[in-house]
Amino acid sequence: LSTVMRAKFKIPDRDDPRALATMEHYLQLIDELSADTGFLVGGSFSVADLTAASLLAVVICPDAIPGPPLPPLPDALLEIRGEPLQRPGGAWVDSIYRTWRRAGIGSGPNTVSA
């Protein structure tokens, strides 16, 4: 099943360098888009922020994800995990996910916009 899922969804092998390059690309994009307002689109929390932070939280701040603990990250991700947190985009993911995950949609300082 794993082989079929990897092929269907084009999931790279764990040690494929393209995965790290893709994450770095999106963190750079987050650096740029969030620089002025702290949000990706416009001046308030939106679905764009929710999506980006949720997708990257598994690497950036897995301890903040509710529910049973996640399986340990692969060694390759553990080795590079600290690096994204040093970037503005990594710190942004950590802050947005922790703030808005705990606050709940619609209960933070801003309402979610589409």
Protein backbone atom coordinates (compact mmCIF):
# COMPACT_ATOMS: atom_id res chain seq x y z
CA LEU A 1 0.00 0.00 0.00
CA SER A 2 2.84 2.37 0.84
CA THR A 3 4.35 1.98 -2.63
CA VAL A 4 1.00 2.67 -4.30
CA MET A 5 0.37 5.76 -2.14
CA ARG A 6 3.87 7.12 -2.77
CA ALA A 7 3.41 6.70 -6.51
CA LYS A 8 -0.13 8.10 -6.62
CA PHE A 9 0.68 11.21 -4.59
CA LYS A 10 4.25 11.56 -5.88
CA ILE A 11 5.71 11.34 -2.37
CA PRO A 12 9.52 11.33 -2.54
CA ASP A 13 11.73 8.95 -0.58
CA ARG A 14 12.67 10.17 2.89
CA ASP A 15 16.23 10.99 1.86
CA ASP A 16 15.31 12.69 -1.43
CA PRO A 17 16.99 16.14 -1.36
CA ARG A 18 14.09 17.66 -3.32
CA ALA A 19 11.88 17.43 -0.21
CA LEU A 20 14.20 19.71 1.77
CA ALA A 21 14.58 22.06 -1.18
CA THR A 22 10.77 22.29 -1.49
CA MET A 23 10.38 23.08 2.21
CA GLU A 24 13.10 25.73 2.00
CA HIS A 25 11.39 27.26 -1.03
CA TYR A 26 8.07 27.59 0.80
CA LEU A 27 9.71 28.94 3.95
CA GLN A 28 11.38 31.60 1.78
CA LEU A 29 8.00 32.43 0.27
CA ILE A 30 6.51 32.71 3.76
CA ASP A 31 9.44 34.97 4.76
CA GLU A 32 8.56 37.30 1.90
CA LEU A 33 4.77 37.23 2.09
CA SER A 34 4.50 37.68 5.86
CA ALA A 35 7.19 40.36 6.19
CA ASP A 36 4.86 43.39 6.08
CA THR A 37 1.76 42.32 7.99
CA GLY A 38 2.65 39.06 9.71
CA PHE A 39 0.08 37.27 7.55
CA LEU A 40 0.35 35.72 4.10
CA VAL A 41 -2.61 37.46 2.47
CA GLY A 42 -3.86 40.85 3.59
CA GLY A 43 -3.66 42.13 7.10
CA SER A 44 -5.45 39.40 9.04
CA PHE A 45 -5.41 35.68 9.68
CA SER A 46 -6.82 33.74 6.72
CA VAL A 47 -7.19 30.27 5.28
CA ALA A 48 -3.80 30.80 3.62
CA ASP A 49 -2.15 31.19 7.03
CA LEU A 50 -4.03 28.21 8.42
CA THR A 51 -3.04 25.99 5.50
CA ALA A 52 0.65 26.91 5.43
CA ALA A 53 1.11 26.66 9.20
CA SER A 54 -0.78 23.35 9.40
CA LEU A 55 1.21 21.73 6.61
CA LEU A 56 4.58 22.80 8.00
CA ALA A 57 3.78 22.31 11.71
CA VAL A 58 4.57 18.60 11.50
CA VAL A 59 8.23 19.53 10.90
CA ILE A 60 8.50 22.91 12.63
CA CYS A 61 6.54 22.35 15.85
CA PRO A 62 5.29 18.75 16.11
CA ASP A 63 4.90 19.11 19.88
CA ALA A 64 2.09 21.63 19.32
CA ILE A 65 -0.07 19.24 17.30
CA PRO A 66 -2.96 17.95 19.45
CA GLY A 67 -3.74 14.29 19.89
CA PRO A 68 -1.48 11.35 20.49
CA PRO A 69 2.20 12.00 19.91
CA LEU A 70 3.32 11.72 16.32
CA PRO A 71 5.78 8.99 15.37
CA PRO A 72 9.38 10.15 15.63
CA LEU A 73 10.55 12.27 12.73
CA PRO A 74 13.01 10.64 10.33
CA ASP A 75 16.65 11.35 11.18
CA ALA A 76 17.02 13.59 8.14
CA LEU A 77 14.25 15.87 9.41
CA LEU A 78 15.58 15.86 12.96
CA GLU A 79 18.93 17.03 11.64
CA ILE A 80 17.47 20.01 9.81
CA ARG A 81 14.55 20.83 12.14
CA GLY A 82 16.41 23.58 14.01
CA GLU A 83 17.41 25.33 10.80
CA PRO A 84 13.89 26.38 9.72
CA LEU A 85 13.17 27.77 13.19
CA GLN A 86 16.08 30.18 12.73
CA ARG A 87 14.41 31.65 9.65
CA PRO A 88 11.58 34.17 9.80
CA GLY A 89 9.31 31.71 7.95
CA GLY A 90 9.98 28.92 10.44
CA ALA A 91 9.37 31.20 13.40
CA TRP A 92 6.20 32.40 11.65
CA VAL A 93 4.90 28.81 11.29
CA ASP A 94 5.59 28.11 14.96
CA SER A 95 3.91 31.32 16.12
CA ILE A 96 0.87 31.14 13.82
CA TYR A 97 0.22 27.46 14.52
CA ARG A 98 0.58 27.74 18.29
CA THR A 99 -1.41 30.98 18.55
CA TRP A 100 -4.29 30.12 16.26
CA ARG A 101 -4.46 26.40 17.05
CA ARG A 102 -4.97 27.15 20.73
CA ALA A 103 -7.24 30.13 20.15
CA GLY A 104 -9.50 28.30 17.75
CA ILE A 105 -10.87 29.71 14.57
CA GLY A 106 -12.80 32.90 15.10
CA SER A 107 -11.65 33.39 18.68
CA GLY A 108 -8.27 34.98 18.08
CA PRO A 109 -7.60 38.69 17.67
CA ASN A 110 -8.84 38.48 14.09
CA THR A 111 -11.52 36.42 12.41
CA VAL A 112 -10.63 33.97 9.68
CA SER A 113 -11.23 35.24 6.19
CA ALA A 114 -11.31 33.20 3.00
